[in-house]
Amino acid sequence: MAYLELTRGEREDFADLLDGLAPEQWAAPSLCAGWSVRDVAAHCVSFEGVPPAGLARRFLQGRLQTARINALAVDALADRSNGQIVDIFRANTEPHGLTAGFGGRIALTDNMIHQQDIRRPLGLPRTIPAERLRVALDFVRFAPTIRGAWRARGVRLVATDLDWSHGRGPEVRGPGEALLMIMAGRRDALADLDGPGRIRLAARVR
């Protein structure tokens, strides 16, 4: 499967979303604790164009802690305007470096989750193309730093809007987007899910 082609489409859609936001929406809180919409957008392109030596310095400065490393990466783009952040997206629809890992599925899944981190609190729903969503649902189960299958252990996730399911146990049903977000640890998605396994799943998503 041409994962990079799917990733290009996802990043183009993300750039279109950002391009249409008002200044107050850029400053609004996202689902990522302590991060504004702008912070999330900057994070999604903050590793593009950084050479290996620069990545090594950033990892050392961040003491190899993901949260610290990501904060440093966002800070590195603090002097860019909102429009320049959008320009970086459009210039890098095909990911490079770290985010190009697993055939581009890191960027595809990360960008899809983070686009929803912006859309959900802003009340901007989206229909994600099924072919992209299915790839992200499969990848998020074992993606580095996410490990969605660990959160979903002991329940069976069943998408109601596309042919996808995972796991064993009492069912949790809902839109594929909500299943993706709950595996990514976003409690906001619980409101869109139901089924006998929902309580068990909720206890694992803090």
Protein backbone atom coordinates (compact mmCIF):
# COMPACT_ATOMS: atom_id res chain seq x y z
CA MET A 1 0.00 0.00 0.00
CA ALA A 2 1.21 3.51 -0.84
CA TYR A 3 1.27 4.87 2.71
CA LEU A 4 3.12 8.01 1.67
CA GLU A 5 0.33 8.90 -0.74
CA LEU A 6 -2.18 8.61 2.10
CA THR A 7 0.07 10.75 4.30
CA ARG A 8 0.30 13.45 1.65
CA GLY A 9 -3.48 13.62 1.50
CA GLU A 10 -3.73 13.84 5.29
CA ARG A 11 -1.22 16.66 5.52
CA GLU A 12 -2.89 18.58 2.71
CA ASP A 13 -6.22 18.31 4.54
CA PHE A 14 -4.54 19.43 7.78
CA ALA A 15 -3.03 22.45 6.02
CA ASP A 16 -6.45 23.34 4.58
CA LEU A 17 -7.95 23.21 8.07
CA LEU A 18 -5.27 25.46 9.54
CA ASP A 19 -5.49 27.88 6.64
CA GLY A 20 -9.14 28.51 7.44
CA LEU A 21 -8.78 29.12 11.18
CA ALA A 22 -9.32 32.54 12.72
CA PRO A 23 -6.63 33.97 15.06
CA GLU A 24 -8.72 33.20 18.13
CA GLN A 25 -9.03 29.57 17.02
CA TRP A 26 -5.26 29.29 16.69
CA ALA A 27 -4.99 30.44 20.30
CA ALA A 28 -7.72 28.12 21.61
CA PRO A 29 -6.91 25.08 23.79
CA SER A 30 -6.51 21.72 22.09
CA LEU A 31 -7.08 18.25 23.53
CA CYS A 32 -3.34 18.10 24.32
CA ALA A 33 -2.97 19.32 27.89
CA GLY A 34 -1.28 22.73 28.05
CA TRP A 35 -1.07 23.08 24.26
CA SER A 36 -2.96 25.53 22.11
CA VAL A 37 -4.09 24.78 18.57
CA ARG A 38 -0.98 26.59 17.35
CA ASP A 39 1.26 24.44 19.57
CA VAL A 40 -0.25 21.26 18.13
CA ALA A 41 0.15 22.51 14.57
CA ALA A 42 3.77 23.48 15.21
CA HIS A 43 4.48 20.10 16.82
CA CYS A 44 3.25 18.27 13.72
CA VAL A 45 5.93 19.86 11.51
CA SER A 46 8.60 20.57 14.14
CA PHE A 47 10.85 17.69 13.09
CA GLU A 48 10.76 18.46 9.36
CA GLY A 49 14.09 19.60 7.96
CA VAL A 50 16.00 19.03 11.20
CA PRO A 51 19.33 17.28 10.37
CA PRO A 52 20.47 14.23 12.36
CA ALA A 53 22.91 16.31 14.40
CA GLY A 54 20.12 18.73 15.32
CA LEU A 55 17.86 15.87 16.34
CA ALA A 56 20.61 14.43 18.53
CA ARG A 57 21.08 17.80 20.29
CA ARG A 58 17.35 18.13 20.82
CA PHE A 59 17.10 14.63 22.28
CA LEU A 60 19.98 15.32 24.64
CA GLN A 61 18.56 18.70 25.69
CA GLY A 62 15.25 16.98 26.31
CA ARG A 63 16.97 14.34 28.46
CA LEU A 64 15.46 11.66 26.20
CA GLN A 65 12.00 12.44 27.61
CA THR A 66 9.30 12.66 24.95
CA ALA A 67 7.40 15.56 26.54
CA ARG A 68 10.57 17.64 26.93
CA ILE A 69 11.74 16.88 23.40
CA ASN A 70 8.37 17.85 21.93
CA ALA A 71 8.29 21.08 23.95
CA LEU A 72 11.73 22.03 22.64
CA ALA A 73 10.62 21.30 19.10
CA VAL A 74 7.55 23.52 19.45
CA ASP A 75 9.63 26.30 21.01
CA ALA A 76 11.96 26.17 18.00
CA LEU A 77 9.08 27.44 15.84
CA ALA A 78 7.92 30.14 18.26
CA ASP A 79 9.10 32.94 15.97
CA ARG A 80 7.06 31.70 13.00
CA SER A 81 3.70 33.23 12.14
CA ASN A 82 0.58 31.09 11.84
CA GLY A 83 0.80 31.46 8.08
CA GLN A 84 4.40 30.26 8.10
CA ILE A 85 3.35 27.15 10.04
CA VAL A 86 0.83 26.45 7.26
CA ASP A 87 3.56 27.02 4.67
CA ILE A 88 5.75 24.41 6.38
CA PHE A 89 2.87 21.91 6.13
CA ARG A 90 2.40 22.60 2.44
CA ALA A 91 6.13 22.35 1.75
CA ASN A 92 6.36 19.01 3.56
CA THR A 93 3.29 17.05 2.55
CA GLU A 94 5.66 14.11 2.15
CA PRO A 95 7.32 13.54 5.54
CA HIS A 96 11.07 13.18 6.02
CA GLY A 97 13.23 11.89 8.83
CA LEU A 98 11.58 10.52 11.97
CA THR A 99 7.99 10.99 10.84
CA ALA A 100 8.62 9.08 7.60
CA GLY A 101 9.12 5.91 9.63
CA PHE A 102 7.09 2.76 8.88
CA GLY A 103 6.53 3.90 5.33
CA GLY A 104 5.03 7.22 6.44
CA ARG A 105 2.52 5.69 8.85
CA ILE A 106 4.03 7.59 11.79
CA ALA A 107 3.22 10.91 10.13
CA LEU A 108 -0.16 9.71 8.87
CA THR A 109 -1.33 8.51 12.28
CA ASP A 110 0.24 11.35 14.27
CA ASN A 111 -1.23 14.01 12.00
CA MET A 112 -4.65 12.37 11.96
CA ILE A 113 -4.79 12.23 15.76
CA HIS A 114 -3.52 15.77 16.16
CA GLN A 115 -5.93 17.14 13.57
CA GLN A 116 -8.71 15.72 15.74
CA ASP A 117 -7.01 17.22 18.82
CA ILE A 118 -7.77 20.54 17.14
CA ARG A 119 -11.12 19.79 15.53
CA ARG A 120 -12.86 18.27 18.54
CA PRO A 121 -12.55 21.24 20.94
CA LEU A 122 -13.25 23.69 18.10
CA GLY A 123 -16.42 21.81 17.15
CA LEU A 124 -15.24 21.14 13.60
CA PRO A 125 -16.26 17.56 12.74
CA ARG A 126 -14.64 15.72 9.89
CA THR A 127 -15.24 12.60 7.83
CA ILE A 128 -11.83 10.93 7.53
CA PRO A 129 -11.30 9.00 4.28
CA ALA A 130 -11.82 5.32 5.13
CA GLU A 131 -8.60 4.11 3.53
CA ARG A 132 -6.53 6.48 5.69
CA LEU A 133 -8.49 5.80 8.86
CA ARG A 134 -8.18 2.02 8.52
CA VAL A 135 -4.39 2.27 8.19
CA ALA A 136 -4.18 4.54 11.23
CA LEU A 137 -6.41 2.24 13.29
CA ASP A 138 -4.13 -0.70 12.52
CA PHE A 139 -0.93 1.23 13.15
CA VAL A 140 -1.95 2.99 16.37
CA ARG A 141 -2.22 -0.39 18.07
CA PHE A 142 1.56 -0.79 18.14
CA ALA A 143 2.88 2.67 17.19
CA PRO A 144 5.88 3.79 19.27
CA THR A 145 4.87 5.93 22.30
CA ILE A 146 1.13 5.24 21.75
CA ARG A 147 0.59 1.49 22.09
CA GLY A 148 -3.15 1.66 21.56
CA ALA A 149 -3.59 -2.10 21.91
CA TRP A 150 -2.34 -1.82 25.50
CA ARG A 151 -5.12 0.63 26.37
CA ALA A 152 -7.70 -1.50 24.59
CA ARG A 153 -6.70 -4.84 26.11
CA GLY A 154 -9.59 -6.93 27.38
CA VAL A 155 -12.22 -5.38 25.10
CA ARG A 156 -13.23 -5.73 21.48
CA LEU A 157 -13.31 -2.48 19.52
CA VAL A 158 -15.82 -2.40 16.67
CA ALA A 159 -16.11 0.47 14.21
CA THR A 160 -19.67 1.30 13.19
CA ASP A 161 -18.79 3.27 10.07
CA LEU A 162 -16.21 1.04 8.39
CA ASP A 163 -15.15 -2.59 8.35
CA TRP A 164 -12.67 -2.68 11.23
CA SER A 165 -12.47 -4.41 14.61
CA HIS A 166 -9.80 -5.46 17.07
CA GLY A 167 -9.42 -7.41 20.28
CA ARG A 168 -11.36 -9.83 22.43
CA GLY A 169 -13.80 -9.25 25.24
CA PRO A 170 -16.91 -7.13 25.76
CA GLU A 171 -17.56 -4.86 22.82
CA VAL A 172 -16.96 -1.13 22.57
CA ARG A 173 -18.67 0.30 19.50
CA GLY A 174 -18.45 3.65 17.79
CA PRO A 175 -17.09 5.63 14.82
CA GLY A 176 -13.59 4.67 13.71
CA GLU A 177 -12.34 8.18 14.49
CA ALA A 178 -13.47 7.84 18.12
CA LEU A 179 -11.81 4.42 18.41
CA LEU A 180 -8.58 5.91 17.08
CA MET A 181 -8.71 8.76 19.57
CA ILE A 182 -9.48 6.53 22.54
CA MET A 183 -6.53 4.26 21.67
CA ALA A 184 -4.45 7.45 21.59
CA GLY A 185 -5.55 8.20 25.15
CA ARG A 186 -8.10 10.95 24.45
CA ARG A 187 -10.93 10.58 26.98
CA ASP A 188 -12.96 13.10 24.99
CA ALA A 189 -13.80 10.26 22.59
CA LEU A 190 -15.57 8.20 25.26
CA ALA A 191 -18.75 10.24 24.70
CA ASP A 192 -18.95 8.79 21.17
CA LEU A 193 -18.59 5.16 22.26
CA ASP A 194 -20.95 2.64 23.80
CA GLY A 195 -21.20 -1.04 24.56
CA PRO A 196 -20.61 -3.35 27.52
CA GLY A 197 -16.84 -2.85 27.44
CA ARG A 198 -16.96 0.93 27.69
CA ILE A 199 -16.51 1.10 31.47
CA ARG A 200 -13.50 -1.21 31.35
CA LEU A 201 -11.95 0.84 28.55
CA ALA A 202 -12.63 4.13 30.36
CA ALA A 203 -10.69 2.91 33.39
CA ARG A 204 -7.56 2.54 31.25
CA VAL A 205 -7.72 5.94 29.55
CA ARG A 206 -6.56 8.62 31.97
